[in-house]
PDB file of N, CA and C in Angstrom:
ATOM      1  N   UNK A   1     -18.174 -19.164  21.755  1.00  0.00           N
ATOM      2  CA  UNK A   1     -18.720 -19.084  20.414  1.00  0.00           C
ATOM      3  C   UNK A   1     -17.794 -18.227  19.537  1.00  0.00           C
ATOM      4  N   UNK A   2     -17.523 -18.686  18.336  1.00  0.00           N
ATOM      5  CA  UNK A   2     -16.627 -18.012  17.419  1.00  0.00           C
ATOM      6  C   UNK A   2     -17.341 -16.871  16.704  1.00  0.00           C
ATOM      7  N   UNK A   3     -16.617 -15.791  16.416  1.00  0.00           N
ATOM      8  CA  UNK A   3     -17.201 -14.632  15.734  1.00  0.00           C
ATOM      9  C   UNK A   3     -17.627 -15.000  14.322  1.00  0.00           C
ATOM     10  N   UNK A   4     -18.794 -14.530  13.931  1.00  0.00           N
ATOM     11  CA  UNK A   4     -19.313 -14.787  12.599  1.00  0.00           C
ATOM     12  C   UNK A   4     -19.148 -13.548  11.724  1.00  0.00           C
ATOM     13  N   UNK A   5     -19.291 -12.361  12.326  1.00  0.00           N
ATOM     14  CA  UNK A   5     -19.144 -11.108  11.595  1.00  0.00           C
ATOM     15  C   UNK A   5     -18.346 -10.107  12.430  1.00  0.00           C
ATOM     16  N   UNK A   6     -17.835  -9.084  11.745  1.00  0.00           N
ATOM     17  CA  UNK A   6     -17.089  -8.012  12.398  1.00  0.00           C
ATOM     18  C   UNK A   6     -17.614  -6.671  11.907  1.00  0.00           C
ATOM     19  N   UNK A   7     -17.606  -5.672  12.777  1.00  0.00           N
ATOM     20  CA  UNK A   7     -17.943  -4.318  12.349  1.00  0.00           C
ATOM     21  C   UNK A   7     -16.729  -3.768  11.590  1.00  0.00           C
ATOM     22  N   UNK A   8     -16.896  -2.693  10.823  1.00  0.00           N
ATOM     23  CA  UNK A   8     -15.741  -2.132  10.114  1.00  0.00           C
ATOM     24  C   UNK A   8     -14.593  -1.752  11.054  1.00  0.00           C
ATOM     25  N   UNK A   9     -14.922  -1.257  12.245  1.00  0.00           N
ATOM     26  CA  UNK A   9     -13.886  -0.913  13.221  1.00  0.00           C
ATOM     27  C   UNK A   9     -13.150  -2.142  13.735  1.00  0.00           C
ATOM     28  N   UNK A  10     -13.899  -3.198  14.031  1.00  0.00           N
ATOM     29  CA  UNK A  10     -13.281  -4.447  14.503  1.00  0.00           C
ATOM     30  C   UNK A  10     -12.441  -5.089  13.403  1.00  0.00           C
ATOM     31  N   UNK A  11     -12.967  -5.017  12.179  1.00  0.00           N
ATOM     32  CA  UNK A  11     -12.239  -5.540  11.026  1.00  0.00           C
ATOM     33  C   UNK A  11     -10.897  -4.820  10.877  1.00  0.00           C
ATOM     34  N   UNK A  12     -10.937  -3.492  10.936  1.00  0.00           N
ATOM     35  CA  UNK A  12      -9.716  -2.698  10.796  1.00  0.00           C
ATOM     36  C   UNK A  12      -8.742  -2.990  11.929  1.00  0.00           C
ATOM     37  N   UNK A  13      -9.254  -3.172  13.121  1.00  0.00           N
ATOM     38  CA  UNK A  13      -8.415  -3.461  14.287  1.00  0.00           C
ATOM     39  C   UNK A  13      -7.646  -4.772  14.110  1.00  0.00           C
ATOM     40  N   UNK A  14      -8.260  -5.744  13.443  1.00  0.00           N
ATOM     41  CA  UNK A  14      -7.577  -7.019  13.186  1.00  0.00           C
ATOM     42  C   UNK A  14      -6.306  -6.809  12.358  1.00  0.00           C
ATOM     43  N   UNK A  15      -6.317  -5.771  11.510  1.00  0.00           N
ATOM     44  CA  UNK A  15      -5.190  -5.474  10.633  1.00  0.00           C
ATOM     45  C   UNK A  15      -4.323  -4.339  11.160  1.00  0.00           C
ATOM     46  N   UNK A  16      -4.637  -3.874  12.370  1.00  0.00           N
ATOM     47  CA  UNK A  16      -3.847  -2.796  12.964  1.00  0.00           C
ATOM     48  C   UNK A  16      -4.077  -1.448  12.300  1.00  0.00           C
ATOM     49  N   UNK A  17      -5.271  -1.250  11.762  1.00  0.00           N
ATOM     50  CA  UNK A  17      -5.593  -0.013  11.042  1.00  0.00           C
ATOM     51  C   UNK A  17      -6.721   0.728  11.743  1.00  0.00           C
ATOM     52  N   UNK A  18      -7.031   1.929  11.235  1.00  0.00           N
ATOM     53  CA  UNK A  18      -8.107   2.731  11.826  1.00  0.00           C
ATOM     54  C   UNK A  18      -9.463   2.299  11.279  1.00  0.00           C
ATOM     55  N   UNK A  19     -10.499   2.727  11.958  1.00  0.00           N
ATOM     56  CA  UNK A  19     -11.863   2.410  11.538  1.00  0.00           C
ATOM     57  C   UNK A  19     -12.140   2.978  10.149  1.00  0.00           C
ATOM     58  N   UNK A  20     -11.600   4.150   9.867  1.00  0.00           N
ATOM     59  CA  UNK A  20     -11.772   4.772   8.555  1.00  0.00           C
ATOM     60  C   UNK A  20     -11.223   3.871   7.457  1.00  0.00           C
ATOM     61  N   UNK A  21     -10.079   3.240   7.720  1.00  0.00           N
ATOM     62  CA  UNK A  21      -9.488   2.313   6.755  1.00  0.00           C
ATOM     63  C   UNK A  21     -10.469   1.175   6.451  1.00  0.00           C
ATOM     64  N   UNK A  22     -11.139   0.662   7.488  1.00  0.00           N
ATOM     65  CA  UNK A  22     -12.113  -0.409   7.303  1.00  0.00           C
ATOM     66  C   UNK A  22     -13.237   0.001   6.374  1.00  0.00           C
ATOM     67  N   UNK A  23     -13.770   1.207   6.593  1.00  0.00           N
ATOM     68  CA  UNK A  23     -14.844   1.705   5.725  1.00  0.00           C
ATOM     69  C   UNK A  23     -14.337   1.922   4.299  1.00  0.00           C
ATOM     70  N   UNK A  24     -13.128   2.424   4.151  1.00  0.00           N
ATOM     71  CA  UNK A  24     -12.572   2.656   2.813  1.00  0.00           C
ATOM     72  C   UNK A  24     -12.430   1.349   2.031  1.00  0.00           C
ATOM     73  N   UNK A  25     -12.065   0.285   2.719  1.00  0.00           N
ATOM     74  CA  UNK A  25     -11.949  -1.017   2.062  1.00  0.00           C
ATOM     75  C   UNK A  25     -13.315  -1.485   1.554  1.00  0.00           C
ATOM     76  N   UNK A  26     -14.335  -1.232   2.336  1.00  0.00           N
ATOM     77  CA  UNK A  26     -15.698  -1.616   1.940  1.00  0.00           C
ATOM     78  C   UNK A  26     -16.154  -0.787   0.743  1.00  0.00           C
ATOM     79  N   UNK A  27     -16.013   0.547   0.845  1.00  0.00           N
ATOM     80  CA  UNK A  27     -16.489   1.432  -0.217  1.00  0.00           C
ATOM     81  C   UNK A  27     -15.703   1.261  -1.509  1.00  0.00           C
ATOM     82  N   UNK A  28     -14.447   0.832  -1.410  1.00  0.00           N
ATOM     83  CA  UNK A  28     -13.623   0.592  -2.606  1.00  0.00           C
ATOM     84  C   UNK A  28     -13.952  -0.748  -3.250  1.00  0.00           C
ATOM     85  N   UNK A  29     -14.776  -1.560  -2.578  1.00  0.00           N
ATOM     86  CA  UNK A  29     -15.162  -2.856  -3.120  1.00  0.00           C
ATOM     87  C   UNK A  29     -14.132  -3.943  -2.884  1.00  0.00           C
ATOM     88  N   UNK A  30     -13.162  -3.697  -2.025  1.00  0.00           N
ATOM     89  CA  UNK A  30     -12.126  -4.695  -1.741  1.00  0.00           C
ATOM     90  C   UNK A  30     -12.598  -5.736  -0.733  1.00  0.00           C
ATOM     91  N   UNK A  31     -13.638  -5.377   0.020  1.00  0.00           N
ATOM     92  CA  UNK A  31     -14.181  -6.267   1.052  1.00  0.00           C
ATOM     93  C   UNK A  31     -15.688  -6.363   0.852  1.00  0.00           C
ATOM     94  N   UNK A  32     -16.204  -7.568   0.862  1.00  0.00           N
ATOM     95  CA  UNK A  32     -17.647  -7.770   0.745  1.00  0.00           C
ATOM     96  C   UNK A  32     -18.268  -7.628   2.129  1.00  0.00           C
ATOM     97  N   UNK A  33     -19.314  -6.840   2.211  1.00  0.00           N
ATOM     98  CA  UNK A  33     -19.954  -6.593   3.496  1.00  0.00           C
ATOM     99  C   UNK A  33     -21.449  -6.883   3.421  1.00  0.00           C
ATOM    100  N   UNK A  34     -22.023  -7.164   4.575  1.00  0.00           N
ATOM    101  CA  UNK A  34     -23.468  -7.364   4.715  1.00  0.00           C
ATOM    102  C   UNK A  34     -24.034  -6.035   5.206  1.00  0.00           C
ATOM    103  N   UNK A  35     -25.005  -5.494   4.475  1.00  0.00           N
ATOM    104  CA  UNK A  35     -25.547  -4.185   4.855  1.00  0.00           C
ATOM    105  C   UNK A  35     -27.016  -4.250   5.241  1.00  0.00           C
ATOM    106  N   UNK A  36     -27.500  -5.420   5.524  1.00  0.00           N
ATOM    107  CA  UNK A  36     -28.905  -5.577   5.923  1.00  0.00           C
ATOM    108  C   UNK A  36     -29.094  -5.142   7.380  1.00  0.00           C
ATOM    109  N   UNK A  37     -30.311  -4.795   7.715  1.00  0.00           N
ATOM    110  CA  UNK A  37     -30.724  -4.513   9.093  1.00  0.00           C
ATOM    111  C   UNK A  37     -30.049  -3.285   9.697  1.00  0.00           C
ATOM    112  N   UNK A  38     -29.636  -2.321   8.852  1.00  0.00           N
ATOM    113  CA  UNK A  38     -29.134  -1.048   9.355  1.00  0.00           C
ATOM    114  C   UNK A  38     -27.706  -1.037   9.850  1.00  0.00           C
ATOM    115  N   UNK A  39     -26.977  -2.105   9.660  1.00  0.00           N
ATOM    116  CA  UNK A  39     -25.564  -2.150  10.083  1.00  0.00           C
ATOM    117  C   UNK A  39     -24.713  -2.668   8.953  1.00  0.00           C
ATOM    118  N   UNK A  40     -23.459  -2.293   8.989  1.00  0.00           N
ATOM    119  CA  UNK A  40     -22.496  -2.839   8.039  1.00  0.00           C
ATOM    120  C   UNK A  40     -21.673  -3.877   8.785  1.00  0.00           C
ATOM    121  N   UNK A  41     -21.703  -5.105   8.309  1.00  0.00           N
ATOM    122  CA  UNK A  41     -20.963  -6.190   8.939  1.00  0.00           C
ATOM    123  C   UNK A  41     -20.118  -6.920   7.902  1.00  0.00           C
ATOM    124  N   UNK A  42     -18.957  -7.345   8.319  1.00  0.00           N
ATOM    125  CA  UNK A  42     -18.049  -8.074   7.440  1.00  0.00           C
ATOM    126  C   UNK A  42     -17.978  -9.511   7.926  1.00  0.00           C
ATOM    127  N   UNK A  43     -18.324 -10.477   7.071  1.00  0.00           N
ATOM    128  CA  UNK A  43     -18.296 -11.881   7.484  1.00  0.00           C
ATOM    129  C   UNK A  43     -16.877 -12.350   7.820  1.00  0.00           C
ATOM    130  N   UNK A  44     -16.766 -13.242   8.774  1.00  0.00           N
ATOM    131  CA  UNK A  44     -15.467 -13.803   9.165  1.00  0.00           C
ATOM    132  C   UNK A  44     -14.820 -14.526   7.980  1.00  0.00           C
ATOM    133  N   UNK A  45     -15.622 -15.102   7.100  1.00  0.00           N
ATOM    134  CA  UNK A  45     -15.093 -15.779   5.913  1.00  0.00           C
ATOM    135  C   UNK A  45     -14.353 -14.792   5.012  1.00  0.00           C
ATOM    136  N   UNK A  46     -14.813 -13.548   4.982  1.00  0.00           N
ATOM    137  CA  UNK A  46     -14.151 -12.514   4.178  1.00  0.00           C
ATOM    138  C   UNK A  46     -12.780 -12.173   4.766  1.00  0.00           C
ATOM    139  N   UNK A  47     -12.697 -12.121   6.068  1.00  0.00           N
ATOM    140  CA  UNK A  47     -11.417 -11.874   6.742  1.00  0.00           C
ATOM    141  C   UNK A  47     -10.452 -13.020   6.424  1.00  0.00           C
ATOM    142  N   UNK A  48     -10.938 -14.243   6.481  1.00  0.00           N
ATOM    143  CA  UNK A  48     -10.100 -15.408   6.170  1.00  0.00           C
ATOM    144  C   UNK A  48      -9.655 -15.387   4.715  1.00  0.00           C
ATOM    145  N   UNK A  49     -10.523 -14.935   3.814  1.00  0.00           N
ATOM    146  CA  UNK A  49     -10.160 -14.836   2.398  1.00  0.00           C
ATOM    147  C   UNK A  49      -9.010 -13.847   2.195  1.00  0.00           C
ATOM    148  N   UNK A  50      -9.103 -12.714   2.861  1.00  0.00           N
ATOM    149  CA  UNK A  50      -8.066 -11.684   2.742  1.00  0.00           C
ATOM    150  C   UNK A  50      -6.742 -12.197   3.301  1.00  0.00           C
ATOM    151  N   UNK A  51      -6.795 -12.822   4.460  1.00  0.00           N
ATOM    152  CA  UNK A  51      -5.566 -13.340   5.059  1.00  0.00           C
ATOM    153  C   UNK A  51      -4.980 -14.472   4.227  1.00  0.00           C
ATOM    154  N   UNK A  52      -5.834 -15.269   3.606  1.00  0.00           N
ATOM    155  CA  UNK A  52      -5.362 -16.373   2.769  1.00  0.00           C
ATOM    156  C   UNK A  52      -4.700 -15.910   1.485  1.00  0.00           C
ATOM    157  N   UNK A  53      -5.110 -14.738   0.980  1.00  0.00           N
ATOM    158  CA  UNK A  53      -4.547 -14.237  -0.267  1.00  0.00           C
ATOM    159  C   UNK A  53      -3.323 -13.359  -0.045  1.00  0.00           C
ATOM    160  N   UNK A  54      -2.999 -13.071   1.207  1.00  0.00           N
ATOM    161  CA  UNK A  54      -1.851 -12.212   1.511  1.00  0.00           C
ATOM    162  C   UNK A  54      -0.550 -12.939   1.208  1.00  0.00           C
ATOM    163  N   UNK A  55       0.397 -12.176   0.704  1.00  0.00           N
ATOM    164  CA  UNK A  55       1.710 -12.754   0.426  1.00  0.00           C
ATOM    165  C   UNK A  55       2.735 -12.189   1.400  1.00  0.00           C
ATOM    166  N   UNK A  56       3.849 -12.828   1.468  1.00  0.00           N
ATOM    167  CA  UNK A  56       4.908 -12.414   2.378  1.00  0.00           C
ATOM    168  C   UNK A  56       5.577 -11.146   1.849  1.00  0.00           C
ATOM    169  N   UNK A  57       5.873 -10.207   2.739  1.00  0.00           N
ATOM    170  CA  UNK A  57       6.539  -8.969   2.359  1.00  0.00           C
ATOM    171  C   UNK A  57       8.023  -9.242   2.154  1.00  0.00           C
ATOM    172  N   UNK A  58       8.499  -8.905   0.976  1.00  0.00           N
ATOM    173  CA  UNK A  58       9.893  -9.168   0.623  1.00  0.00           C
ATOM    174  C   UNK A  58      10.771  -7.924   0.715  1.00  0.00           C
ATOM    175  N   UNK A  59      10.206  -6.792   1.033  1.00  0.00           N
ATOM    176  CA  UNK A  59      10.982  -5.560   1.127  1.00  0.00           C
ATOM    177  C   UNK A  59      11.256  -4.973  -0.247  1.00  0.00           C
ATOM    178  N   UNK A  60      11.932  -3.846  -0.235  1.00  0.00           N
ATOM    179  CA  UNK A  60      12.279  -3.199  -1.502  1.00  0.00           C
ATOM    180  C   UNK A  60      13.429  -3.947  -2.159  1.00  0.00           C
ATOM    181  N   UNK A  61      13.340  -4.082  -3.467  1.00  0.00           N
ATOM    182  CA  UNK A  61      14.412  -4.740  -4.196  1.00  0.00           C
ATOM    183  C   UNK A  61      15.569  -3.771  -4.350  1.00  0.00           C
ATOM    184  N   UNK A  62      16.779  -4.263  -4.148  1.00  0.00           N
ATOM    185  CA  UNK A  62      17.960  -3.425  -4.277  1.00  0.00           C
ATOM    186  C   UNK A  62      18.257  -3.179  -5.744  1.00  0.00           C
ATOM    187  N   UNK A  63      18.631  -1.949  -6.043  1.00  0.00           N
ATOM    188  CA  UNK A  63      19.024  -1.608  -7.403  1.00  0.00           C
ATOM    189  C   UNK A  63      20.456  -2.092  -7.599  1.00  0.00           C
ATOM    190  N   UNK A  64      20.750  -2.635  -8.757  1.00  0.00           N
ATOM    191  CA  UNK A  64      22.130  -3.063  -9.005  1.00  0.00           C
ATOM    192  C   UNK A  64      23.055  -1.848  -9.070  1.00  0.00           C
ATOM    193  N   UNK A  65      24.262  -2.009  -8.576  1.00  0.00           N
ATOM    194  CA  UNK A  65      25.231  -0.918  -8.589  1.00  0.00           C
ATOM    195  C   UNK A  65      25.588  -0.565 -10.037  1.00  0.00           C
ATOM    196  N   UNK A  66      25.799   0.717 -10.279  1.00  0.00           N
ATOM    197  CA  UNK A  66      26.160   1.159 -11.619  1.00  0.00           C
ATOM    198  C   UNK A  66      27.624   0.832 -11.887  1.00  0.00           C
ATOM    199  N   UNK A  67      27.884   0.503 -13.116  1.00  0.00           N
ATOM    200  CA  UNK A  67      29.260   0.203 -13.501  1.00  0.00           C
ATOM    201  C   UNK A  67      29.988   1.513 -13.785  1.00  0.00           C
ATOM    202  N   UNK A  68      31.312   1.429 -13.850  1.00  0.00           N
ATOM    203  CA  UNK A  68      32.129   2.607 -14.119  1.00  0.00           C
ATOM    204  C   UNK A  68      31.747   3.227 -15.465  1.00  0.00           C
ATOM    205  N   UNK A  69      31.476   2.389 -16.449  1.00  0.00           N
ATOM    206  CA  UNK A  69      31.108   2.872 -17.775  1.00  0.00           C
ATOM    207  C   UNK A  69      29.785   3.641 -17.728  1.00  0.00           C
ATOM    208  N   UNK A  70      28.819   3.170 -16.944  1.00  0.00           N
ATOM    209  CA  UNK A  70      27.535   3.864 -16.821  1.00  0.00           C
ATOM    210  C   UNK A  70      27.709   5.225 -16.160  1.00  0.00           C
ATOM    211  N   UNK A  71      28.555   5.281 -15.156  1.00  0.00           N
ATOM    212  CA  UNK A  71      28.814   6.554 -14.466  1.00  0.00           C
ATOM    213  C   UNK A  71      29.482   7.536 -15.418  1.00  0.00           C
ATOM    214  N   UNK A  72      30.460   7.065 -16.191  1.00  0.00           N
ATOM    215  CA  UNK A  72      31.148   7.924 -17.162  1.00  0.00           C
ATOM    216  C   UNK A  72      30.160   8.452 -18.203  1.00  0.00           C
ATOM    217  N   UNK A  73      29.204   7.629 -18.602  1.00  0.00           N
ATOM    218  CA  UNK A  73      28.214   8.044 -19.590  1.00  0.00           C
ATOM    219  C   UNK A  73      27.277   9.119 -19.035  1.00  0.00           C
ATOM    220  N   UNK A  74      27.087   9.154 -17.733  1.00  0.00           N
ATOM    221  CA  UNK A  74      26.198  10.135 -17.113  1.00  0.00           C
ATOM    222  C   UNK A  74      26.870  11.490 -16.895  1.00  0.00           C
ATOM    223  N   UNK A  75      28.192  11.547 -16.883  1.00  0.00           N
ATOM    224  CA  UNK A  75      28.897  12.792 -16.556  1.00  0.00           C
ATOM    225  C   UNK A  75      28.510  13.965 -17.456  1.00  0.00           C
ATOM    226  N   UNK A  76      28.407  13.798 -18.784  1.00  0.00           N
ATOM    227  CA  UNK A  76      27.997  14.950 -19.611  1.00  0.00           C
ATOM    228  C   UNK A  76      26.611  15.476 -19.231  1.00  0.00           C
ATOM    229  N   UNK A  77      25.694  14.585 -18.905  1.00  0.00           N
ATOM    230  CA  UNK A  77      24.347  15.007 -18.503  1.00  0.00           C
ATOM    231  C   UNK A  77      24.389  15.780 -17.189  1.00  0.00           C
ATOM    232  N   UNK A  78      25.200  15.307 -16.254  1.00  0.00           N
ATOM    233  CA  UNK A  78      25.301  15.970 -14.958  1.00  0.00           C
ATOM    234  C   UNK A  78      25.884  17.369 -15.105  1.00  0.00           C
ATOM    235  N   UNK A  79      26.877  17.534 -15.974  1.00  0.00           N
ATOM    236  CA  UNK A  79      27.459  18.856 -16.193  1.00  0.00           C
ATOM    237  C   UNK A  79      26.424  19.799 -16.791  1.00  0.00           C
ATOM    238  N   UNK A  80      25.618  19.297 -17.702  1.00  0.00           N
ATOM    239  CA  UNK A  80      24.562  20.093 -18.320  1.00  0.00           C
ATOM    240  C   UNK A  80      23.554  20.540 -17.263  1.00  0.00           C
ATOM    241  N   UNK A  81      23.146  19.625 -16.401  1.00  0.00           N
ATOM    242  CA  UNK A  81      22.182  19.947 -15.342  1.00  0.00           C
ATOM    243  C   UNK A  81      22.773  20.907 -14.334  1.00  0.00           C
ATOM    244  N   UNK A  82      24.056  20.793 -14.058  1.00  0.00           N
ATOM    245  CA  UNK A  82      24.722  21.667 -13.118  1.00  0.00           C
ATOM    246  C   UNK A  82      24.720  23.101 -13.642  1.00  0.00           C
ATOM    247  N   UNK A  83      24.933  23.263 -14.956  1.00  0.00           N
ATOM    248  CA  UNK A  83      24.889  24.587 -15.570  1.00  0.00           C
ATOM    249  C   UNK A  83      23.500  25.208 -15.475  1.00  0.00           C
ATOM    250  N   UNK A  84      22.470  24.418 -15.645  1.00  0.00           N
ATOM    251  CA  UNK A  84      21.105  24.895 -15.545  1.00  0.00           C
ATOM    252  C   UNK A  84      20.812  25.354 -14.124  1.00  0.00           C
ATOM    253  N   UNK A  85      21.284  24.583 -13.151  1.00  0.00           N
ATOM    254  CA  UNK A  85      21.042  24.936 -11.747  1.00  0.00           C
ATOM    255  C   UNK A  85      21.743  26.246 -11.409  1.00  0.00           C
ATOM    256  N   UNK A  86      22.957  26.468 -11.904  1.00  0.00           N
ATOM    257  CA  UNK A  86      23.689  27.694 -11.634  1.00  0.00           C
ATOM    258  C   UNK A  86      22.989  28.890 -12.255  1.00  0.00           C
ATOM    259  N   UNK A  87      22.420  28.725 -13.448  1.00  0.00           N
ATOM    260  CA  UNK A  87      21.715  29.826 -14.108  1.00  0.00           C
ATOM    261  C   UNK A  87      20.467  30.234 -13.333  1.00  0.00           C
ATOM    262  N   UNK A  88      19.779  29.264 -12.763  1.00  0.00           N
ATOM    263  CA  UNK A  88      18.536  29.575 -12.021  1.00  0.00           C
ATOM    264  C   UNK A  88      18.832  30.316 -10.730  1.00  0.00           C
ATOM    265  N   UNK A  89      19.963  30.070 -10.102  1.00  0.00           N
ATOM    266  CA  UNK A  89      20.261  30.718  -8.822  1.00  0.00           C
ATOM    267  C   UNK A  89      20.788  32.141  -9.001  1.00  0.00           C
ATOM    268  N   UNK A  90      21.158  32.521 -10.200  1.00  0.00           N
ATOM    269  CA  UNK A  90      21.694  33.881 -10.431  1.00  0.00           C
ATOM    270  C   UNK A  90      20.610  34.904 -10.504  1.00  0.00           C
TER     271      UNK A  90
END
């Protein structure tokens, strides 16, 4: 027989997270839960909804390298900041 509902701990385990994470998702309103009969249960359909809306992780986007002109433009600012740092250490 296929699971119809999951406890917050079981729900969190499906995502490799702690039980606390499962409860936080419920209390934040990100997951719809059934709270009848003295237990908190998350329907399997809700788990499928979350997995269906997940997107592929693309990683951090690389910043484009600065051009020589951009670096030259930053030099006056860096000298100013360097002077401030020297004053604070004295």
